[in-house]
Amino acid sequence: YAGTTSTYSSTYRNVSGILLESPECTAILDAGEMTLGQLIRVRGMEGAREVIGKLNFLYLSHIHFDHCGGAMSIARLYHELTGEPLTIVCPGRMFIWLRDTAETVGAPVNLISLGELHADPEIRKERVGKLGISGIYLAPAMHTRDSWCVALEAGDWKVAYSGDTLPNAEFVAAGKDCDVLIHEATHQSSLADQSAAKKHTTVSQAVEVGRQMGASYTILTHFSLRYQKLPPIVGEIFPENVALAHDFMYVTEGNIKTWCGATSFLPSLFPEQYKDLMKQSGVKESL
C-alpha cells in the first residue's frame, strides 16, 4: 500500500496507491501523488525500478487527483526503462488530460477505456490477455461521473477494488467470491449521512459489502484526513477476516490473517492516539 488516505497527503499517510504483484501480473491500482516516491521509500530505487519495469498496466478508477496525480511519473519511468508506452486502463473522460500531460513530460501512454471494456465483451476479451490477467469485471461506481469499481482475476486469485463509491450492488456481483476485497472506508459509521453526501462508504457499509460479496478477506483503506494516526475504529465491529490498511503495508497469502488479527490490538498498541480518536469521535472514555 503506497497510500491509504483521501483528498491529499499528510504527515502520516499518502493518497491512494496499491501495488498488486503475482506471478501472472504486476499492476498498480490507482496512483495518487507520490505513489512512485512511496515505492522508492519501501523498495529502494533499484527495487522500484524493477517493479515499474515489469508493470502490465496501471489502473485508474476515476479522475480525482488523489487517485491519479502520480500516474505520469510512473509512465515516464516505465518508458525510460522499457522504451514502450505504459498501458493505462482508465475512464474515457481522462484521455485528453492523460495524452496532453504525457506529451508534455515525454511519457507515451496506451490508453484503454473502462467504459468500452464494460460495454463490449469482444473488446474485453481481446484486451484481457494482453493485460496479463484472465478476467476483468467492472461496475460503474456511485461517485463522480465515469468512475469505476473493478475485480481482476489471474491464475487462481481474484481481487476486487472499489475505488471511491457508495455501497454498490453491481460491484458486489462483479467481485462475488473474491479472495481479497479492497474497499474504501472513508468515514466512521456514525457519519453515514455525511459520507453519503460525499458519495463515499463508511466502515460498517464496507464490511457489509465484503460479507455480501463473499470475500475471503476485506481490507479497508482510503480513510478521511480526520483519521491520520489511527483509522476509524471507535465504535466499529470488525469480523475476523477484516484488516485496516496503512502505508507500506505488505499483504501476502501467508500474512493476511495476521493483519486481520492485528485490528483488535490497535487501542493497546497506540493508547494515546486511541484516546484522541475517541475524543474526536465524541465517545467518552470509560472509567
C-alpha atoms as a PDB file:
ATOM      1  CA  TYR A   1       0.000   0.000   0.000  1.00  0.00           C
ATOM      2  CA  ALA A   2       1.613   3.240  -1.190  1.00  0.00           C
ATOM      3  CA  GLY A   3      -1.170   5.369   0.278  1.00  0.00           C
ATOM      4  CA  THR A   4      -4.268   4.942   2.432  1.00  0.00           C
ATOM      5  CA  THR A   5      -5.802   8.363   2.973  1.00  0.00           C
ATOM      6  CA  SER A   6      -8.106  10.532   0.865  1.00  0.00           C
ATOM      7  CA  THR A   7      -8.091  14.020  -0.680  1.00  0.00           C
ATOM      8  CA  TYR A   8      -4.419  14.896  -0.166  1.00  0.00           C
ATOM      9  CA  SER A   9      -1.315  13.542   1.532  1.00  0.00           C
ATOM     10  CA  SER A  10      -0.474  14.204   5.174  1.00  0.00           C
ATOM     11  CA  THR A  11       2.411  13.557   7.559  1.00  0.00           C
ATOM     12  CA  TYR A  12       1.214  10.031   8.292  1.00  0.00           C
ATOM     13  CA  ARG A  13      -0.497   8.802   5.133  1.00  0.00           C
ATOM     14  CA  ASN A  14      -0.184   9.264   1.396  1.00  0.00           C
ATOM     15  CA  VAL A  15      -3.127   9.226  -1.022  1.00  0.00           C
ATOM     16  CA  SER A  16      -4.345   6.125  -2.853  1.00  0.00           C
ATOM     17  CA  GLY A  17      -1.929   3.724  -4.494  1.00  0.00           C
ATOM     18  CA  ILE A  18      -1.839  -0.087  -4.382  1.00  0.00           C
ATOM     19  CA  LEU A  19       0.810  -2.321  -5.937  1.00  0.00           C
ATOM     20  CA  LEU A  20      -0.541  -5.729  -6.974  1.00  0.00           C
ATOM     21  CA  GLU A  21       2.108  -8.399  -7.636  1.00  0.00           C
ATOM     22  CA  SER A  22       1.651 -12.030  -8.629  1.00  0.00           C
ATOM     23  CA  PRO A  23       3.458 -14.486 -10.907  1.00  0.00           C
ATOM     24  CA  GLU A  24       0.865 -13.724 -13.590  1.00  0.00           C
ATOM     25  CA  CYS A  25       0.534  -9.960 -13.341  1.00  0.00           C
ATOM     26  CA  THR A  26       2.040  -6.777 -11.892  1.00  0.00           C
ATOM     27  CA  ALA A  27      -0.297  -3.784 -11.748  1.00  0.00           C
ATOM     28  CA  ILE A  28      -0.866  -0.584  -9.805  1.00  0.00           C
ATOM     29  CA  LEU A  29      -4.423   0.197  -8.725  1.00  0.00           C
ATOM     30  CA  ASP A  30      -4.762   3.984  -8.626  1.00  0.00           C
ATOM     31  CA  ALA A  31      -1.745   6.254  -8.345  1.00  0.00           C
ATOM     32  CA  GLY A  32      -2.191   9.384  -6.291  1.00  0.00           C
ATOM     33  CA  GLU A  33       0.615  11.909  -5.910  1.00  0.00           C
ATOM     34  CA  MET A  34       3.892  10.400  -4.649  1.00  0.00           C
ATOM     35  CA  THR A  35       2.916   6.785  -5.382  1.00  0.00           C
ATOM     36  CA  LEU A  36       6.289   6.307  -7.073  1.00  0.00           C
ATOM     37  CA  GLY A  37       8.035   8.062  -4.194  1.00  0.00           C
ATOM     38  CA  GLN A  38       6.406   5.682  -1.730  1.00  0.00           C
ATOM     39  CA  LEU A  39       7.570   2.672  -3.765  1.00  0.00           C
ATOM     40  CA  ILE A  40      11.114   4.055  -3.733  1.00  0.00           C
ATOM     41  CA  ARG A  41      10.955   4.513   0.033  1.00  0.00           C
ATOM     42  CA  VAL A  42       9.901   0.928   0.682  1.00  0.00           C
ATOM     43  CA  ARG A  43      11.761  -0.891  -2.129  1.00  0.00           C
ATOM     44  CA  GLY A  44      14.718   1.401  -2.756  1.00  0.00           C
ATOM     45  CA  MET A  45      15.453   2.949  -6.122  1.00  0.00           C
ATOM     46  CA  GLU A  46      16.536  -0.268  -7.818  1.00  0.00           C
ATOM     47  CA  GLY A  47      13.612  -2.209  -6.347  1.00  0.00           C
ATOM     48  CA  ALA A  48      11.145   0.423  -7.512  1.00  0.00           C
ATOM     49  CA  ARG A  49      12.672   0.445 -10.998  1.00  0.00           C
ATOM     50  CA  GLU A  50      12.313  -3.334 -11.132  1.00  0.00           C
ATOM     51  CA  VAL A  51       8.626  -3.108 -10.188  1.00  0.00           C
ATOM     52  CA  ILE A  52       7.819  -0.336 -12.661  1.00  0.00           C
ATOM     53  CA  GLY A  53       9.738  -2.056 -15.459  1.00  0.00           C
ATOM     54  CA  LYS A  54       7.562  -5.162 -15.236  1.00  0.00           C
ATOM     55  CA  LEU A  55       4.176  -3.420 -14.952  1.00  0.00           C
ATOM     56  CA  ASN A  56       1.455  -4.976 -17.080  1.00  0.00           C
ATOM     57  CA  PHE A  57      -0.791  -1.952 -16.606  1.00  0.00           C
ATOM     58  CA  LEU A  58      -1.805   0.966 -14.429  1.00  0.00           C
ATOM     59  CA  TYR A  59      -5.487   1.083 -13.438  1.00  0.00           C
ATOM     60  CA  LEU A  60      -7.093   4.441 -12.604  1.00  0.00           C
ATOM     61  CA  SER A  61     -10.580   4.273 -11.122  1.00  0.00           C
ATOM     62  CA  HIS A  62     -11.555   7.912 -11.671  1.00  0.00           C
ATOM     63  CA  ILE A  63     -10.344  11.410 -12.402  1.00  0.00           C
ATOM     64  CA  HIS A  64      -9.937  12.770  -8.854  1.00  0.00           C
ATOM     65  CA  PHE A  65      -6.316  13.767  -8.330  1.00  0.00           C
ATOM     66  CA  ASP A  66      -5.785  11.760  -5.144  1.00  0.00           C
ATOM     67  CA  HIS A  67      -6.224   8.668  -7.349  1.00  0.00           C
ATOM     68  CA  CYS A  68      -4.340   9.694 -10.485  1.00  0.00           C
ATOM     69  CA  GLY A  69      -1.913  12.516  -9.633  1.00  0.00           C
ATOM     70  CA  GLY A  70       1.109  10.195  -9.674  1.00  0.00           C
ATOM     71  CA  ALA A  71       0.329   8.470 -12.974  1.00  0.00           C
ATOM     72  CA  MET A  72       2.704  10.450 -15.184  1.00  0.00           C
ATOM     73  CA  SER A  73       5.808   9.902 -13.037  1.00  0.00           C
ATOM     74  CA  ILE A  74       5.153   6.158 -13.290  1.00  0.00           C
ATOM     75  CA  ALA A  75       4.541   6.360 -17.054  1.00  0.00           C
ATOM     76  CA  ARG A  76       7.731   8.335 -17.588  1.00  0.00           C
ATOM     77  CA  LEU A  77       9.880   5.878 -15.616  1.00  0.00           C
ATOM     78  CA  TYR A  78       8.255   2.919 -17.383  1.00  0.00           C
ATOM     79  CA  HIS A  79       9.099   4.432 -20.772  1.00  0.00           C
ATOM     80  CA  GLU A  80      12.652   5.171 -19.640  1.00  0.00           C
ATOM     81  CA  LEU A  81      13.118   1.546 -18.562  1.00  0.00           C
ATOM     82  CA  THR A  82      11.357  -0.276 -21.395  1.00  0.00           C
ATOM     83  CA  GLY A  83      11.170   2.142 -24.313  1.00  0.00           C
ATOM     84  CA  GLU A  84       7.459   1.304 -24.533  1.00  0.00           C
ATOM     85  CA  PRO A  85       4.287   3.244 -23.676  1.00  0.00           C
ATOM     86  CA  LEU A  86       2.671   2.327 -20.367  1.00  0.00           C
ATOM     87  CA  THR A  87      -0.793   0.793 -20.678  1.00  0.00           C
ATOM     88  CA  ILE A  88      -3.253   2.772 -18.555  1.00  0.00           C
ATOM     89  CA  VAL A  89      -6.756   1.366 -18.063  1.00  0.00           C
ATOM     90  CA  CYS A  90      -8.923   4.298 -17.073  1.00  0.00           C
ATOM     91  CA  PRO A  91     -12.166   6.242 -17.637  1.00  0.00           C
ATOM     92  CA  GLY A  92     -12.534   7.648 -21.128  1.00  0.00           C
ATOM     93  CA  ARG A  93     -13.043  11.154 -19.749  1.00  0.00           C
ATOM     94  CA  MET A  94      -9.383  11.098 -18.636  1.00  0.00           C
ATOM     95  CA  PHE A  95      -7.954  10.529 -22.115  1.00  0.00           C
ATOM     96  CA  ILE A  96      -7.453  14.181 -23.117  1.00  0.00           C
ATOM     97  CA  TRP A  97      -5.729  15.084 -19.855  1.00  0.00           C
ATOM     98  CA  LEU A  98      -3.528  11.989 -19.873  1.00  0.00           C
ATOM     99  CA  ARG A  99      -2.491  12.412 -23.514  1.00  0.00           C
ATOM    100  CA  ASP A 100      -1.711  16.121 -23.098  1.00  0.00           C
ATOM    101  CA  THR A 101       0.263  15.512 -19.917  1.00  0.00           C
ATOM    102  CA  ALA A 102       2.065  12.509 -21.395  1.00  0.00           C
ATOM    103  CA  GLU A 103       3.160  14.596 -24.382  1.00  0.00           C
ATOM    104  CA  THR A 104       4.376  17.365 -22.086  1.00  0.00           C
ATOM    105  CA  VAL A 105       6.534  15.086 -19.916  1.00  0.00           C
ATOM    106  CA  GLY A 106       7.665  12.794 -22.730  1.00  0.00           C
ATOM    107  CA  ALA A 107       5.936   9.667 -21.468  1.00  0.00           C
ATOM    108  CA  PRO A 108       3.871   7.956 -24.211  1.00  0.00           C
ATOM    109  CA  VAL A 109       0.868   6.003 -22.984  1.00  0.00           C
ATOM    110  CA  ASN A 110      -1.502   3.355 -24.333  1.00  0.00           C
ATOM    111  CA  LEU A 111      -4.985   4.171 -23.067  1.00  0.00           C
ATOM    112  CA  ILE A 112      -7.803   1.646 -22.631  1.00  0.00           C
ATOM    113  CA  SER A 113     -11.299   2.888 -21.782  1.00  0.00           C
ATOM    114  CA  LEU A 114     -13.033   1.257 -18.826  1.00  0.00           C
ATOM    115  CA  GLY A 115     -16.386   2.200 -20.326  1.00  0.00           C
ATOM    116  CA  GLU A 116     -15.591   0.338 -23.544  1.00  0.00           C
ATOM    117  CA  LEU A 117     -14.355  -2.709 -21.655  1.00  0.00           C
ATOM    118  CA  HIS A 118     -17.583  -2.739 -19.661  1.00  0.00           C
ATOM    119  CA  ALA A 119     -19.880  -2.240 -22.665  1.00  0.00           C
ATOM    120  CA  ASP A 120     -18.265  -4.510 -25.251  1.00  0.00           C
ATOM    121  CA  PRO A 121     -17.497  -8.184 -24.390  1.00  0.00           C
ATOM    122  CA  GLU A 122     -15.445  -8.596 -27.574  1.00  0.00           C
ATOM    123  CA  ILE A 123     -13.144  -5.703 -26.720  1.00  0.00           C
ATOM    124  CA  ARG A 124     -12.910  -7.004 -23.172  1.00  0.00           C
ATOM    125  CA  LYS A 125     -11.969 -10.494 -24.357  1.00  0.00           C
ATOM    126  CA  GLU A 126      -9.353  -9.101 -26.748  1.00  0.00           C
ATOM    127  CA  ARG A 127      -7.695  -6.846 -24.167  1.00  0.00           C
ATOM    128  CA  VAL A 128      -7.720  -9.114 -21.105  1.00  0.00           C
ATOM    129  CA  GLY A 129      -4.946 -11.450 -22.234  1.00  0.00           C
ATOM    130  CA  LYS A 130      -2.700  -8.530 -23.156  1.00  0.00           C
ATOM    131  CA  LEU A 131      -3.057  -7.183 -19.617  1.00  0.00           C
ATOM    132  CA  GLY A 132      -1.668 -10.381 -18.065  1.00  0.00           C
ATOM    133  CA  ILE A 133      -4.970 -11.294 -16.426  1.00  0.00           C
ATOM    134  CA  SER A 134      -7.635 -13.887 -17.152  1.00  0.00           C
ATOM    135  CA  GLY A 135     -10.681 -11.805 -16.264  1.00  0.00           C
ATOM    136  CA  ILE A 136     -11.829  -8.249 -15.554  1.00  0.00           C
ATOM    137  CA  TYR A 137     -15.259  -7.426 -14.123  1.00  0.00           C
ATOM    138  CA  LEU A 138     -16.399  -3.822 -13.960  1.00  0.00           C
ATOM    139  CA  ALA A 139     -19.173  -1.922 -12.219  1.00  0.00           C
ATOM    140  CA  PRO A 140     -19.923   1.803 -12.558  1.00  0.00           C
ATOM    141  CA  ALA A 141     -19.055   3.438  -9.240  1.00  0.00           C
ATOM    142  CA  MET A 142     -21.572   5.610  -7.426  1.00  0.00           C
ATOM    143  CA  HIS A 143     -19.218   8.571  -7.156  1.00  0.00           C
ATOM    144  CA  THR A 144     -18.181  11.135  -9.760  1.00  0.00           C
ATOM    145  CA  ARG A 145     -19.094  10.745 -13.446  1.00  0.00           C
ATOM    146  CA  ASP A 146     -17.273   7.908 -15.254  1.00  0.00           C
ATOM    147  CA  SER A 147     -15.772   6.309 -12.168  1.00  0.00           C
ATOM    148  CA  TRP A 148     -15.396   2.557 -11.706  1.00  0.00           C
ATOM    149  CA  CYS A 149     -15.125  -0.424  -9.404  1.00  0.00           C
ATOM    150  CA  VAL A 150     -13.184  -3.448 -10.649  1.00  0.00           C
ATOM    151  CA  ALA A 151     -12.481  -7.117  -9.960  1.00  0.00           C
ATOM    152  CA  LEU A 152      -9.436  -8.786 -11.519  1.00  0.00           C
ATOM    153  CA  GLU A 153      -8.694 -12.470 -12.000  1.00  0.00           C
ATOM    154  CA  ALA A 154      -5.368 -14.117 -12.803  1.00  0.00           C
ATOM    155  CA  GLY A 155      -4.169 -17.622 -12.024  1.00  0.00           C
ATOM    156  CA  ASP A 156      -6.095 -18.873  -9.015  1.00  0.00           C
ATOM    157  CA  TRP A 157      -6.797 -15.483  -7.410  1.00  0.00           C
ATOM    158  CA  LYS A 158      -9.448 -12.784  -7.647  1.00  0.00           C
ATOM    159  CA  VAL A 159      -9.057  -9.291  -6.189  1.00  0.00           C
ATOM    160  CA  ALA A 160     -11.829  -6.685  -6.081  1.00  0.00           C
ATOM    161  CA  TYR A 161     -11.120  -2.956  -5.680  1.00  0.00           C
ATOM    162  CA  SER A 162     -13.826  -0.386  -5.011  1.00  0.00           C
ATOM    163  CA  GLY A 163     -12.070   2.865  -5.848  1.00  0.00           C
ATOM    164  CA  ASP A 164     -14.416   5.551  -4.460  1.00  0.00           C
ATOM    165  CA  THR A 165     -18.090   4.677  -4.287  1.00  0.00           C
ATOM    166  CA  LEU A 166     -21.227   4.413  -2.241  1.00  0.00           C
ATOM    167  CA  PRO A 167     -22.203   0.803  -1.415  1.00  0.00           C
ATOM    168  CA  ASN A 168     -22.814  -0.725  -4.811  1.00  0.00           C
ATOM    169  CA  ALA A 169     -24.861  -3.851  -5.604  1.00  0.00           C
ATOM    170  CA  GLU A 170     -23.396  -4.121  -9.097  1.00  0.00           C
ATOM    171  CA  PHE A 171     -19.901  -4.161  -7.601  1.00  0.00           C
ATOM    172  CA  VAL A 172     -20.979  -6.896  -5.171  1.00  0.00           C
ATOM    173  CA  ALA A 173     -21.898  -9.015  -8.182  1.00  0.00           C
ATOM    174  CA  ALA A 174     -18.666  -8.193 -10.031  1.00  0.00           C
ATOM    175  CA  GLY A 175     -16.478  -9.177  -7.094  1.00  0.00           C
ATOM    176  CA  LYS A 176     -18.506 -12.205  -5.996  1.00  0.00           C
ATOM    177  CA  ASP A 177     -16.440 -14.773  -4.052  1.00  0.00           C
ATOM    178  CA  CYS A 178     -13.190 -12.856  -4.461  1.00  0.00           C
ATOM    179  CA  ASP A 179     -10.134 -13.767  -2.422  1.00  0.00           C
ATOM    180  CA  VAL A 180      -9.497 -10.174  -1.320  1.00  0.00           C
ATOM    181  CA  LEU A 181     -11.771  -7.131  -1.392  1.00  0.00           C
ATOM    182  CA  ILE A 182     -10.027  -3.768  -1.070  1.00  0.00           C
ATOM    183  CA  HIS A 183     -12.735  -1.268  -0.184  1.00  0.00           C
ATOM    184  CA  GLU A 184     -12.775   2.398   0.683  1.00  0.00           C
ATOM    185  CA  ALA A 185     -13.979   3.200   4.206  1.00  0.00           C
ATOM    186  CA  THR A 186     -13.696   6.963   4.218  1.00  0.00           C
ATOM    187  CA  HIS A 187     -15.768   7.690   7.320  1.00  0.00           C
ATOM    188  CA  GLN A 188     -16.744   6.154  10.650  1.00  0.00           C
ATOM    189  CA  SER A 189     -20.182   4.570  10.655  1.00  0.00           C
ATOM    190  CA  SER A 190     -21.778   7.316  12.741  1.00  0.00           C
ATOM    191  CA  LEU A 191     -21.135   9.761   9.868  1.00  0.00           C
ATOM    192  CA  ALA A 192     -23.263   7.862   7.353  1.00  0.00           C
ATOM    193  CA  ASP A 193     -25.185  10.951   6.222  1.00  0.00           C
ATOM    194  CA  GLN A 194     -22.025  12.962   5.640  1.00  0.00           C
ATOM    195  CA  SER A 195     -20.432  10.021   3.856  1.00  0.00           C
ATOM    196  CA  ALA A 196     -23.445   9.595   1.574  1.00  0.00           C
ATOM    197  CA  ALA A 197     -23.435  13.301   0.716  1.00  0.00           C
ATOM    198  CA  LYS A 198     -19.838  12.958  -0.470  1.00  0.00           C
ATOM    199  CA  LYS A 199     -20.586   9.638  -2.213  1.00  0.00           C
ATOM    200  CA  HIS A 200     -18.291   7.576  -0.021  1.00  0.00           C
ATOM    201  CA  THR A 201     -18.649   4.460   2.114  1.00  0.00           C
ATOM    202  CA  THR A 202     -18.477   4.090   5.904  1.00  0.00           C
ATOM    203  CA  VAL A 203     -16.621   1.361   7.782  1.00  0.00           C
ATOM    204  CA  SER A 204     -19.691  -0.751   8.534  1.00  0.00           C
ATOM    205  CA  GLN A 205     -21.006  -0.356   4.981  1.00  0.00           C
ATOM    206  CA  ALA A 206     -17.683  -1.548   3.539  1.00  0.00           C
ATOM    207  CA  VAL A 207     -17.641  -4.533   5.901  1.00  0.00           C
ATOM    208  CA  GLU A 208     -21.179  -5.379   4.770  1.00  0.00           C
ATOM    209  CA  VAL A 209     -20.146  -5.191   1.114  1.00  0.00           C
ATOM    210  CA  GLY A 210     -17.460  -7.759   1.870  1.00  0.00           C
ATOM    211  CA  ARG A 211     -19.996 -10.011   3.566  1.00  0.00           C
ATOM    212  CA  GLN A 212     -22.451  -9.773   0.674  1.00  0.00           C
ATOM    213  CA  MET A 213     -19.662 -10.351  -1.826  1.00  0.00           C
ATOM    214  CA  GLY A 214     -18.486 -13.470  -0.022  1.00  0.00           C
ATOM    215  CA  ALA A 215     -14.938 -12.098   0.052  1.00  0.00           C
ATOM    216  CA  SER A 216     -12.464 -14.322   1.866  1.00  0.00           C
ATOM    217  CA  TYR A 217     -10.783 -11.199   3.250  1.00  0.00           C
ATOM    218  CA  THR A 218     -11.647  -7.498   3.259  1.00  0.00           C
ATOM    219  CA  ILE A 219      -9.057  -4.734   3.595  1.00  0.00           C
ATOM    220  CA  LEU A 220     -10.332  -1.226   4.340  1.00  0.00           C
ATOM    221  CA  THR A 221      -8.499   1.855   3.067  1.00  0.00           C
ATOM    222  CA  HIS A 222      -8.961   5.470   1.826  1.00  0.00           C
ATOM    223  CA  PHE A 223      -9.603   6.895   5.287  1.00  0.00           C
ATOM    224  CA  SER A 224     -10.628  10.517   5.686  1.00  0.00           C
ATOM    225  CA  LEU A 225      -7.933  13.007   6.668  1.00  0.00           C
ATOM    226  CA  ARG A 226      -9.568  13.172  10.084  1.00  0.00           C
ATOM    227  CA  TYR A 227      -8.138   9.677  10.747  1.00  0.00           C
ATOM    228  CA  GLN A 228      -4.378  10.021  10.401  1.00  0.00           C
ATOM    229  CA  LYS A 229      -2.576   8.136  13.163  1.00  0.00           C
ATOM    230  CA  LEU A 230      -5.317   5.530  13.565  1.00  0.00           C
ATOM    231  CA  PRO A 231      -8.113   4.515  11.182  1.00  0.00           C
ATOM    232  CA  PRO A 232     -11.777   4.870  12.265  1.00  0.00           C
ATOM    233  CA  ILE A 233     -12.064   2.024  14.788  1.00  0.00           C
ATOM    234  CA  VAL A 234     -14.054   3.613  17.638  1.00  0.00           C
ATOM    235  CA  GLY A 235     -17.480   2.003  17.976  1.00  0.00           C
ATOM    236  CA  GLU A 236     -16.901  -0.279  14.984  1.00  0.00           C
ATOM    237  CA  ILE A 237     -17.279  -4.065  14.800  1.00  0.00           C
ATOM    238  CA  PHE A 238     -14.674  -5.888  12.738  1.00  0.00           C
ATOM    239  CA  PRO A 239     -15.149  -9.536  11.735  1.00  0.00           C
ATOM    240  CA  GLU A 240     -12.053 -11.707  11.941  1.00  0.00           C
ATOM    241  CA  ASN A 241     -11.490 -11.520   8.171  1.00  0.00           C
ATOM    242  CA  VAL A 242     -11.235  -7.691   8.020  1.00  0.00           C
ATOM    243  CA  ALA A 243      -7.974  -5.724   8.082  1.00  0.00           C
ATOM    244  CA  LEU A 244      -7.225  -1.996   8.113  1.00  0.00           C
ATOM    245  CA  ALA A 245      -4.636  -0.695   5.673  1.00  0.00           C
ATOM    246  CA  HIS A 246      -1.724   1.585   6.472  1.00  0.00           C
ATOM    247  CA  ASP A 247       1.037   2.994   4.296  1.00  0.00           C
ATOM    248  CA  PHE A 248       3.796   0.481   3.430  1.00  0.00           C
ATOM    249  CA  MET A 249       1.569  -2.422   4.484  1.00  0.00           C
ATOM    250  CA  TYR A 250       2.669  -5.550   2.603  1.00  0.00           C
ATOM    251  CA  VAL A 251      -0.039  -8.200   2.341  1.00  0.00           C
ATOM    252  CA  THR A 252       0.603 -11.780   1.240  1.00  0.00           C
ATOM    253  CA  GLU A 253      -1.358 -15.015   1.297  1.00  0.00           C
ATOM    254  CA  GLY A 254       0.760 -16.028   4.275  1.00  0.00           C
ATOM    255  CA  ASN A 255       0.324 -12.930   6.449  1.00  0.00           C
ATOM    256  CA  ILE A 256      -3.176 -11.642   5.705  1.00  0.00           C
ATOM    257  CA  LYS A 257      -4.698 -13.466   8.692  1.00  0.00           C
ATOM    258  CA  THR A 258      -2.146 -11.762  10.940  1.00  0.00           C
ATOM    259  CA  TRP A 259      -3.100  -8.349   9.574  1.00  0.00           C
ATOM    260  CA  CYS A 260      -6.773  -9.105  10.229  1.00  0.00           C
ATOM    261  CA  GLY A 261      -5.994 -10.204  13.774  1.00  0.00           C
ATOM    262  CA  ALA A 262      -3.987  -7.035  14.479  1.00  0.00           C
ATOM    263  CA  THR A 263      -7.056  -4.791  14.367  1.00  0.00           C
ATOM    264  CA  SER A 264      -8.207  -5.613  17.900  1.00  0.00           C
ATOM    265  CA  PHE A 265      -4.785  -4.708  19.326  1.00  0.00           C
ATOM    266  CA  LEU A 266      -4.629  -1.167  17.936  1.00  0.00           C
ATOM    267  CA  PRO A 267      -6.062   0.546  21.077  1.00  0.00           C
ATOM    268  CA  SER A 268      -3.471  -1.228  23.243  1.00  0.00           C
ATOM    269  CA  LEU A 269      -0.586  -0.544  20.884  1.00  0.00           C
ATOM    270  CA  PHE A 270      -1.447   3.129  20.452  1.00  0.00           C
ATOM    271  CA  PRO A 271      -3.282   4.175  23.669  1.00  0.00           C
ATOM    272  CA  GLU A 272      -2.713   7.931  23.385  1.00  0.00           C
ATOM    273  CA  GLN A 273      -3.727   8.017  19.730  1.00  0.00           C
ATOM    274  CA  TYR A 274      -6.789   5.928  20.555  1.00  0.00           C
ATOM    275  CA  LYS A 275      -7.817   8.400  23.286  1.00  0.00           C
ATOM    276  CA  ASP A 276      -7.515  11.232  20.783  1.00  0.00           C
ATOM    277  CA  LEU A 277      -9.624   9.280  18.313  1.00  0.00           C
ATOM    278  CA  MET A 278     -12.302   8.671  20.963  1.00  0.00           C
ATOM    279  CA  LYS A 279     -12.497  12.394  21.732  1.00  0.00           C
ATOM    280  CA  GLN A 280     -12.686  13.194  18.038  1.00  0.00           C
ATOM    281  CA  SER A 281     -15.473  10.624  17.621  1.00  0.00           C
ATOM    282  CA  GLY A 282     -17.454  12.069  20.545  1.00  0.00           C
ATOM    283  CA  VAL A 283     -17.040   8.957  22.731  1.00  0.00           C
ATOM    284  CA  LYS A 284     -16.349   9.334  26.444  1.00  0.00           C
ATOM    285  CA  GLU A 285     -13.540   7.239  27.899  1.00  0.00           C
ATOM    286  CA  SER A 286     -14.855   4.551  30.266  1.00  0.00           C
ATOM    287  CA  LEU A 287     -13.631   4.573  33.872  1.00  0.00           C
END
